[in-house]
Protein backbone atom coordinates (compact mmCIF):
# COMPACT_ATOMS: atom_id res chain seq x y z
CA UNK A 1 -33.98 53.17 -103.73
CA UNK A 2 -34.00 54.03 -107.95
CA UNK A 3 -31.50 52.10 -109.98
CA UNK A 4 -28.46 54.59 -110.84
CA UNK A 5 -29.03 55.12 -114.46
CA UNK A 6 -28.47 58.75 -116.42
CA UNK A 7 -32.43 60.00 -115.74
CA UNK A 8 -31.56 59.75 -112.15
CA UNK A 9 -28.98 62.12 -112.48
CA UNK A 10 -30.84 63.81 -115.17
CA UNK A 11 -33.48 63.87 -112.28
CA UNK A 12 -31.02 65.25 -109.66
CA UNK A 13 -29.63 67.98 -111.46
CA UNK A 14 -33.36 69.14 -111.98
CA UNK A 15 -34.42 69.28 -108.32
CA UNK A 16 -31.12 69.97 -107.61
CA UNK A 17 -32.04 73.74 -109.87
CA UNK A 18 -35.65 74.09 -108.64
CA UNK A 19 -33.92 73.65 -104.53
CA UNK A 20 -32.25 77.25 -105.95
CA UNK A 21 -35.05 79.42 -107.36
CA UNK A 22 -38.37 77.46 -105.78
CA UNK A 23 -37.27 78.48 -101.94
CA UNK A 24 -35.89 82.39 -103.48
CA UNK A 25 -38.91 82.27 -105.53
CA UNK A 26 -41.34 81.91 -102.36
CA UNK A 27 -39.14 83.44 -100.14
CA UNK A 28 -38.73 86.35 -102.20
CA UNK A 29 -41.56 87.29 -105.31
CA UNK A 30 -44.73 85.00 -103.20
CA UNK A 31 -43.44 87.49 -100.30
CA UNK A 32 -43.39 84.12 -97.41
CA UNK A 33 -39.94 85.02 -96.03
CA UNK A 34 -37.37 82.90 -94.91
CA UNK A 35 -39.20 82.08 -91.66
CA UNK A 36 -42.44 81.61 -93.09
CA UNK A 37 -40.64 79.37 -96.29
CA UNK A 38 -38.77 76.99 -93.96
CA UNK A 39 -41.96 76.23 -91.79
CA UNK A 40 -44.01 74.95 -94.81
CA UNK A 41 -40.99 72.78 -96.72
CA UNK A 42 -40.34 71.29 -93.15
CA UNK A 43 -44.16 70.23 -92.96
CA UNK A 44 -44.00 69.39 -96.85
CA UNK A 45 -40.88 67.76 -96.32
CA UNK A 46 -41.85 64.74 -93.19
CA UNK A 47 -44.92 64.27 -94.91
CA UNK A 48 -43.33 63.02 -97.93
CA UNK A 49 -40.54 61.08 -95.68
CA UNK A 50 -43.51 59.41 -93.53
CA UNK A 51 -44.90 57.97 -96.52
CA UNK A 52 -41.52 57.05 -98.32
CA UNK A 53 -40.54 55.36 -95.78
CA UNK A 54 -44.08 53.71 -94.53
CA UNK A 55 -44.41 52.09 -99.01
CA UNK A 56 -42.25 48.47 -99.18
CA UNK A 57 -41.21 49.45 -102.09
CA UNK A 58 -40.04 51.36 -104.42
CA UNK A 59 -42.41 54.09 -105.87
CA UNK A 60 -40.03 56.96 -108.03
CA UNK A 61 -43.07 59.87 -106.91
CA UNK A 62 -42.77 59.59 -103.41
CA UNK A 63 -39.18 59.12 -103.55
CA UNK A 64 -38.71 62.29 -106.00
CA UNK A 65 -41.38 64.31 -103.97
CA UNK A 66 -38.76 63.84 -101.30
CA UNK A 67 -36.39 64.18 -103.23
CA UNK A 68 -37.48 67.57 -104.43
CA UNK A 69 -38.64 69.13 -100.98
CA UNK A 70 -34.70 68.02 -99.93
CA UNK A 71 -33.22 69.84 -102.16
CA UNK A 72 -35.48 73.06 -101.31
CA UNK A 73 -35.40 72.54 -97.43
CA UNK A 74 -31.88 72.70 -97.74
CA UNK A 75 -31.19 75.04 -99.26
CA UNK A 76 -33.15 77.15 -97.20
CA UNK A 77 -31.03 75.52 -94.06
CA UNK A 78 -27.11 76.02 -95.70
CA UNK A 79 -29.29 80.31 -96.17
CA UNK A 80 -30.88 80.32 -93.09
CA UNK A 81 -27.28 79.92 -91.18
CA UNK A 82 -25.85 82.27 -93.68
CA UNK A 83 -28.19 84.71 -93.77
CA UNK A 84 -30.15 84.93 -90.69
CA UNK A 85 -27.45 83.50 -88.09
CA UNK A 86 -24.41 85.85 -90.48
CA UNK A 87 -22.04 82.03 -90.62
CA UNK A 88 -19.85 82.72 -93.45
CA UNK A 89 -19.94 80.92 -96.30
CA UNK A 90 -16.54 78.88 -95.09
CA UNK A 91 -17.22 77.98 -91.56
CA UNK A 92 -20.89 76.46 -92.69
CA UNK A 93 -18.69 74.20 -95.23
CA UNK A 94 -16.47 72.72 -92.73
CA UNK A 95 -19.68 72.31 -90.39
CA UNK A 96 -21.69 70.85 -92.65
CA UNK A 97 -18.60 68.79 -93.87
CA UNK A 98 -18.17 67.69 -90.57
CA UNK A 99 -21.31 66.55 -90.58
CA UNK A 100 -21.13 64.37 -93.26
CA UNK A 101 -18.49 62.92 -92.27
CA UNK A 102 -19.65 61.42 -89.32
CA UNK A 103 -23.48 60.92 -91.41
CA UNK A 104 -20.81 57.96 -93.17
CA UNK A 105 -18.89 56.88 -90.15
CA UNK A 106 -22.05 56.03 -88.23
CA UNK A 107 -23.43 54.84 -91.10
CA UNK A 108 -20.43 52.31 -91.88
CA UNK A 109 -19.91 51.87 -88.38
CA UNK A 110 -23.56 50.32 -87.88
CA UNK A 111 -24.95 49.00 -91.53
CA UNK A 112 -20.57 47.93 -92.61
CA UNK A 113 -22.06 49.78 -96.34
CA UNK A 114 -22.59 52.81 -97.74
CA UNK A 115 -23.82 50.97 -100.89
CA UNK A 116 -26.95 51.91 -102.43
CA UNK A 117 -28.17 48.80 -103.79
CA UNK A 118 -27.98 47.76 -99.78
CA UNK A 119 -30.22 50.23 -98.80
CA UNK A 120 -33.83 48.17 -97.92
CA UNK A 121 -34.34 48.90 -94.46
CA UNK A 122 -35.44 51.43 -92.35
CA UNK A 123 -32.35 52.31 -90.38
CA UNK A 124 -30.60 51.99 -93.80
CA UNK A 125 -33.23 54.83 -94.73
CA UNK A 126 -33.33 56.99 -92.64
CA UNK A 127 -28.72 57.31 -92.65
CA UNK A 128 -29.99 57.62 -96.44
CA UNK A 129 -31.74 60.53 -96.35
CA UNK A 130 -29.58 62.25 -93.29
CA UNK A 131 -26.97 61.84 -95.87
CA UNK A 132 -28.93 62.93 -98.60
CA UNK A 133 -30.03 66.38 -96.63
CA UNK A 134 -26.54 66.70 -95.57
CA UNK A 135 -25.05 66.70 -99.34
CA UNK A 136 -27.43 69.27 -100.38
CA UNK A 137 -26.58 71.71 -97.56
CA UNK A 138 -22.89 70.90 -98.12
CA UNK A 139 -23.13 71.17 -102.09
CA UNK A 140 -25.13 74.72 -101.10
CA UNK A 141 -22.52 76.05 -98.65
CA UNK A 142 -19.64 74.84 -100.84
CA UNK A 143 -20.80 75.94 -104.00
CA UNK A 144 -21.78 79.24 -102.97
CA UNK A 145 -18.42 79.54 -100.94
CA UNK A 146 -16.46 79.05 -104.40
CA UNK A 147 -18.60 81.14 -106.23
CA UNK A 148 -18.85 84.27 -103.91
CA UNK A 149 -14.64 83.73 -102.63
CA UNK A 150 -13.13 82.64 -105.94
CA UNK A 151 -15.38 85.01 -108.56
CA UNK A 152 -16.20 82.13 -110.73
CA UNK A 153 -19.19 83.59 -111.36
CA UNK A 154 -22.38 81.31 -112.50
CA UNK A 155 -21.02 80.32 -115.96
CA UNK A 156 -17.65 79.02 -114.83
CA UNK A 157 -19.40 77.69 -111.91
CA UNK A 158 -21.56 75.47 -114.00
CA UNK A 159 -18.33 74.48 -116.48
CA UNK A 160 -15.96 73.80 -113.41
CA UNK A 161 -18.72 71.62 -111.94
CA UNK A 162 -19.91 70.01 -114.40
CA UNK A 163 -15.81 68.95 -115.60
CA UNK A 164 -16.08 67.83 -112.15
CA UNK A 165 -18.58 65.50 -111.96
CA UNK A 166 -16.90 64.36 -115.56
CA UNK A 167 -13.26 63.35 -113.81
CA UNK A 168 -15.36 61.61 -111.30
CA UNK A 169 -16.80 59.59 -113.94
CA UNK A 170 -13.70 59.17 -115.84
CA UNK A 171 -11.96 58.08 -112.41
CA UNK A 172 -15.44 55.44 -111.85
CA UNK A 173 -14.80 54.06 -115.30
CA UNK A 174 -10.55 53.83 -114.19
CA UNK A 175 -12.12 51.68 -111.02
CA UNK A 176 -12.21 54.07 -108.62
CA UNK A 177 -15.09 53.05 -106.10
CA UNK A 178 -18.15 53.51 -106.76
CA UNK A 179 -20.19 54.35 -103.18
CA UNK A 180 -17.09 57.18 -103.12
CA UNK A 181 -18.15 58.23 -106.95
CA UNK A 182 -21.37 58.24 -106.51
CA UNK A 183 -21.21 60.53 -103.29
CA UNK A 184 -18.66 62.94 -104.28
CA UNK A 185 -21.08 63.65 -107.77
CA UNK A 186 -24.11 63.24 -105.88
CA UNK A 187 -22.46 66.14 -103.83
CA UNK A 188 -21.15 68.32 -106.75
CA UNK A 189 -24.33 67.96 -108.93
CA UNK A 190 -25.97 70.65 -106.04
CA UNK A 191 -23.66 73.55 -107.19
CA UNK A 192 -23.84 72.58 -110.88
CA UNK A 193 -27.66 72.60 -110.62
CA UNK A 194 -27.29 75.88 -108.51
CA UNK A 195 -25.03 77.36 -111.70
CA UNK A 196 -27.57 75.55 -113.90
CA UNK A 197 -30.66 77.89 -112.42
CA UNK A 198 -28.07 80.86 -112.18
CA UNK A 199 -27.65 80.79 -115.50
CA UNK A 200 -31.17 80.35 -116.86
CA UNK A 201 -32.37 83.16 -114.04
CA UNK A 202 -29.96 86.23 -114.23
CA UNK A 203 -31.03 88.76 -116.95
CA UNK A 204 -29.30 89.44 -119.44
CA UNK A 205 -26.77 91.87 -119.44
CA UNK A 206 -25.35 89.93 -116.28
CA UNK A 207 -24.89 86.72 -118.37
CA UNK A 208 -28.00 85.19 -118.44
CA UNK A 209 -30.85 83.94 -120.55
CA UNK A 210 -33.38 86.16 -118.18
CA UNK A 211 -36.18 82.98 -117.51
CA UNK A 212 -36.66 84.00 -113.97
CA UNK A 213 -36.85 82.26 -111.19
CA UNK A 214 -41.02 81.03 -111.62
CA UNK A 215 -40.39 79.82 -115.53
CA UNK A 216 -37.72 77.99 -114.92
CA UNK A 217 -38.44 76.69 -111.82
CA UNK A 218 -42.25 75.37 -113.97
CA UNK A 219 -39.80 73.99 -116.35
CA UNK A 220 -37.41 71.89 -114.82
CA UNK A 221 -40.74 70.75 -113.06
CA UNK A 222 -42.65 69.54 -116.07
CA UNK A 223 -38.95 67.56 -117.13
CA UNK A 224 -39.11 65.78 -114.03
CA UNK A 225 -42.39 64.92 -114.53
CA UNK A 226 -41.66 63.55 -117.37
CA UNK A 227 -39.57 61.72 -116.47
CA UNK A 228 -40.82 60.39 -113.39
CA UNK A 229 -44.10 59.35 -114.27
CA UNK A 230 -42.38 57.02 -116.94
CA UNK A 231 -40.45 55.56 -114.51
CA UNK A 232 -43.12 55.24 -112.37
CA UNK A 233 -45.33 53.50 -115.65
CA UNK A 234 -42.27 51.21 -116.02
CA UNK A 235 -41.87 50.73 -112.37
CA UNK A 236 -46.12 49.77 -113.01
CA UNK A 237 -45.99 47.38 -116.33
CA UNK A 238 -42.63 45.13 -114.78
CA UNK A 239 -41.99 45.90 -111.19
CA UNK A 240 -39.86 45.55 -108.89
CA UNK A 241 -37.57 43.72 -106.32
CA UNK A 242 -37.17 45.39 -102.41
CA UNK A 243 -36.35 48.65 -101.76
CA UNK A 244 -32.72 48.75 -103.05
CA UNK A 245 -33.72 47.67 -106.64
CA UNK A 246 -34.51 49.93 -109.27
CA UNK A 247 -37.06 49.30 -112.12
CA UNK A 248 -36.52 46.83 -114.78
CA UNK A 249 -34.88 48.30 -118.27
CA UNK A 250 -32.56 48.98 -120.47
CA UNK A 251 -29.80 51.29 -120.25
CA UNK A 252 -30.02 52.90 -124.24
CA UNK A 253 -33.51 53.20 -123.83
CA UNK A 254 -32.60 55.60 -120.57
CA UNK A 255 -29.88 57.01 -122.13
CA UNK A 256 -32.81 58.05 -124.63
CA UNK A 257 -35.02 59.60 -122.17
CA UNK A 258 -32.53 61.15 -120.11
CA UNK A 259 -31.02 62.59 -123.15
CA UNK A 260 -34.64 63.85 -124.34
CA UNK A 261 -34.64 65.73 -121.47
CA UNK A 262 -32.27 67.43 -121.28
CA UNK A 263 -32.41 68.97 -124.77
CA UNK A 264 -35.78 69.58 -124.47
CA UNK A 265 -35.16 72.20 -121.39
CA UNK A 266 -31.98 73.87 -123.52
CA UNK A 267 -33.94 74.02 -126.90
CA UNK A 268 -37.29 75.33 -124.29
CA UNK A 269 -34.84 77.30 -121.93
CA UNK A 270 -32.88 79.44 -125.01
CA UNK A 271 -36.34 79.64 -127.23
CA UNK A 272 -38.07 81.37 -123.49
CA UNK A 273 -35.08 83.13 -123.01
CA UNK A 274 -35.18 85.13 -127.23
CA UNK A 275 -38.93 85.78 -126.21
CA UNK A 276 -37.97 87.13 -122.59
CA UNK A 277 -35.41 89.64 -123.83
CA UNK A 278 -37.98 91.04 -127.31
CA UNK A 279 -40.46 91.72 -124.59
CA UNK A 280 -37.91 93.04 -122.16
CA UNK A 281 -36.89 95.70 -125.05
CA UNK A 282 -39.92 96.34 -125.52
CA UNK A 283 -40.72 97.23 -122.10
CA UNK A 284 -37.15 99.27 -121.50
CA UNK A 285 -38.32 101.06 -124.55
CA UNK A 286 -41.57 102.00 -122.80
CA UNK A 287 -40.30 102.94 -119.80
CA UNK A 288 -38.03 105.38 -121.52
CA UNK A 289 -41.05 107.00 -123.18
CA UNK A 290 -43.01 107.42 -119.87
CA UNK A 291 -39.87 109.07 -118.32
CA UNK A 292 -39.37 111.11 -121.07
CA UNK A 293 -43.42 112.55 -121.25
CA UNK A 294 -43.04 112.91 -117.18
CA UNK A 295 -40.05 114.87 -117.38
CA UNK A 296 -42.20 117.18 -120.03
CA UNK A 297 -44.84 117.75 -117.71
CA UNK A 298 -43.71 118.48 -114.52
CA UNK A 299 -39.92 118.46 -114.90
CA UNK A 300 -36.96 116.66 -113.72
CA UNK A 301 -38.73 113.65 -111.96
CA UNK A 302 -36.95 110.91 -109.46
CA UNK A 303 -38.20 107.88 -112.21
CA UNK A 304 -35.88 109.73 -114.68
CA UNK A 305 -32.91 109.34 -112.44
CA UNK A 306 -29.82 109.27 -115.03
CA UNK A 307 -28.19 105.98 -115.90
CA UNK A 308 -25.37 105.21 -113.35
CA UNK A 309 -22.03 104.16 -114.86
CA UNK A 310 -21.26 100.23 -115.07
CA UNK A 311 -19.59 99.70 -111.43
CA UNK A 312 -17.82 96.14 -110.46
CA UNK A 313 -20.89 95.18 -109.58
CA UNK A 314 -22.94 96.06 -113.48
CA UNK A 315 -24.87 98.50 -113.78
CA UNK A 316 -27.48 99.80 -111.00
CA UNK A 317 -29.51 102.04 -112.28
CA UNK A 318 -32.35 100.06 -112.08
CA UNK A 319 -32.18 100.05 -108.74
CA UNK A 320 -31.00 103.17 -108.28
CA UNK A 321 -34.40 104.49 -110.42
CA UNK A 322 -36.83 102.02 -107.86
CA UNK A 323 -35.01 103.79 -104.35
CA UNK A 324 -35.54 107.29 -106.14
CA UNK A 325 -39.38 106.47 -106.61
CA UNK A 326 -39.35 105.52 -103.18
CA UNK A 327 -37.60 108.24 -101.33
CA UNK A 328 -40.07 110.61 -103.11
CA UNK A 329 -42.96 108.49 -102.02
CA UNK A 330 -41.32 108.69 -98.05
CA UNK A 331 -40.51 112.57 -98.70
CA UNK A 332 -44.72 112.84 -99.38
CA UNK A 333 -44.65 110.64 -95.57
CA UNK A 334 -47.56 107.99 -98.30
CA UNK A 335 -45.83 104.77 -95.87
CA UNK A 336 -48.23 102.77 -97.73
CA UNK A 337 -47.25 103.15 -101.58
CA UNK A 338 -43.73 103.26 -100.39
CA UNK A 339 -43.73 99.91 -98.30
CA UNK A 340 -45.87 98.62 -102.32
CA UNK A 341 -42.99 99.59 -103.80
CA UNK A 342 -40.01 98.51 -101.58
CA UNK A 343 -41.30 95.07 -102.99
CA UNK A 344 -39.97 95.67 -106.86
CA UNK A 345 -36.43 96.29 -104.98
CA UNK A 346 -36.37 93.14 -102.56
CA UNK A 347 -37.99 91.35 -105.86
CA UNK A 348 -35.22 92.48 -108.54
CA UNK A 349 -32.09 92.53 -106.07
CA UNK A 350 -33.41 89.21 -104.94
CA UNK A 351 -33.05 87.78 -108.63
CA UNK A 352 -29.44 89.78 -109.48
CA UNK A 353 -27.98 87.95 -106.29
CA UNK A 354 -26.18 85.02 -108.48
CA UNK A 355 -24.69 87.78 -111.74
CA UNK A 356 -23.62 90.76 -108.57
CA UNK A 357 -22.48 88.99 -105.60
CA UNK A 358 -19.87 87.11 -108.27
CA UNK A 359 -18.60 89.66 -108.68
CA UNK A 360 -17.45 92.34 -105.44
CA UNK A 361 -19.12 90.71 -103.28
CA UNK A 362 -17.66 92.92 -100.65
CA UNK A 363 -19.90 95.73 -101.90
CA UNK A 364 -22.81 93.83 -103.31
CA UNK A 365 -22.95 92.60 -98.78
CA UNK A 366 -23.33 96.54 -98.61
CA UNK A 367 -25.77 97.53 -100.49
CA UNK A 368 -27.57 94.36 -99.49
CA UNK A 369 -27.39 95.54 -95.81
CA UNK A 370 -28.79 99.23 -96.86
CA UNK A 371 -31.44 97.34 -98.47
CA UNK A 372 -32.57 95.36 -95.37
CA UNK A 373 -32.54 98.36 -93.51
CA UNK A 374 -35.60 100.21 -95.93
CA UNK A 375 -37.20 97.13 -96.33
CA UNK A 376 -37.26 96.69 -92.43
CA UNK A 377 -37.94 100.37 -91.64
CA UNK A 378 -40.81 100.71 -93.89
CA UNK A 379 -42.35 96.79 -93.25
CA UNK A 380 -41.91 97.86 -88.87
CA UNK A 381 -45.29 97.62 -87.32
CA UNK A 382 -45.94 101.23 -87.26
CA UNK A 383 -43.15 103.13 -89.22
CA UNK A 384 -41.52 106.16 -88.42
CA UNK A 385 -41.78 108.87 -91.75
CA UNK A 386 -37.60 109.51 -90.09
CA UNK A 387 -36.07 106.20 -89.16
CA UNK A 388 -38.15 105.19 -93.58
CA UNK A 389 -35.41 108.23 -94.88
CA UNK A 390 -32.90 107.60 -93.13
CA UNK A 391 -32.73 104.22 -94.24
CA UNK A 392 -33.52 105.41 -97.81
CA UNK A 393 -31.06 107.48 -97.83
CA UNK A 394 -28.20 106.06 -96.75
CA UNK A 395 -28.99 103.11 -99.46
CA UNK A 396 -29.11 106.14 -101.96
CA UNK A 397 -25.66 107.37 -100.81
CA UNK A 398 -24.32 103.58 -101.15
CA UNK A 399 -25.14 103.90 -104.95
CA UNK A 400 -24.57 107.01 -105.87
CA UNK A 401 -20.74 106.35 -104.18
CA UNK A 402 -20.44 103.87 -106.40
CA UNK A 403 -21.05 105.24 -109.23
CA UNK A 404 -17.34 104.61 -111.56
CA UNK A 405 -16.15 101.73 -109.37
């Protein structure tokens, strides 16, 4: 296991954010879907863990590869229970809390310790990775439950969970147990990383920086690679003891690298956000001009649908425009084009989930169910124009019903 340093926590938070953004990117943007994404991540995680268990000494790139993959798979595990099986987040939080307590109880009963520095046997390492996977699932469920049930939003969530981690560190400095504070902080970094990821990926009208899932994942992955390569070089240069002992190095230098990596991510994210905002404004102006041309040439266009008033969910006009376009294609019985166009709706709705859901979870779920019905109808093996038209009409009715709410 690595030494628990500032670099450790920075990489942990960055990997947590990747777990939040990259899984959604594969499932929605790439179009793999949750089941295929889960299967791929499970195979990759199993392969990485085999490598981790076979190595006799701490190897940074293998260890952190496992952490990143556990982050992605743990996020997908909670999403599977919530989105596919319909398990409420409150229930998932309770279940994963009990599972984590069971893992810790068996681990302590068998080994008489939960200390990270004592993980130097295959059995202890098995307990460790079981706990890590459960903490990621628990952090996902508890974080989503808190932000959704309490309407915290990702900005307040980042402040609250960051404050709780700071309070845990203060408790450690005041004499609280190292093992207890480590695992509390480890669980809390999951919702913190998710909140930071949402802050970077959400559109600016929802309070984010509008980087998108792919840019955020690449930015954080680049920072992780730099820190892990440095740690790998330190291990190669100075060596390590058996598993459970980190590389020999100074804390001052470690803090400098960790701080520099965090600062670089913040500066790069802000710079990309400014650039993306300018391009977004240009694209929006082009869209308005195109809609005016279309309306002037052939009368009112479904693509030029009037903008919705701001609702408790926020401005839903961009979704309504896509739905109107899909509706027109379905009416023309061009179901292939409608199926292609509805992909834009799926990606846009998923990208805006964190910003919209915290505002009004009940209405968000209602619209989400309607969108799922449209996706199911258009992606059926043999889609029916009547079924597709009915599903699209239902979604449009739901969007219209929320005007002015």
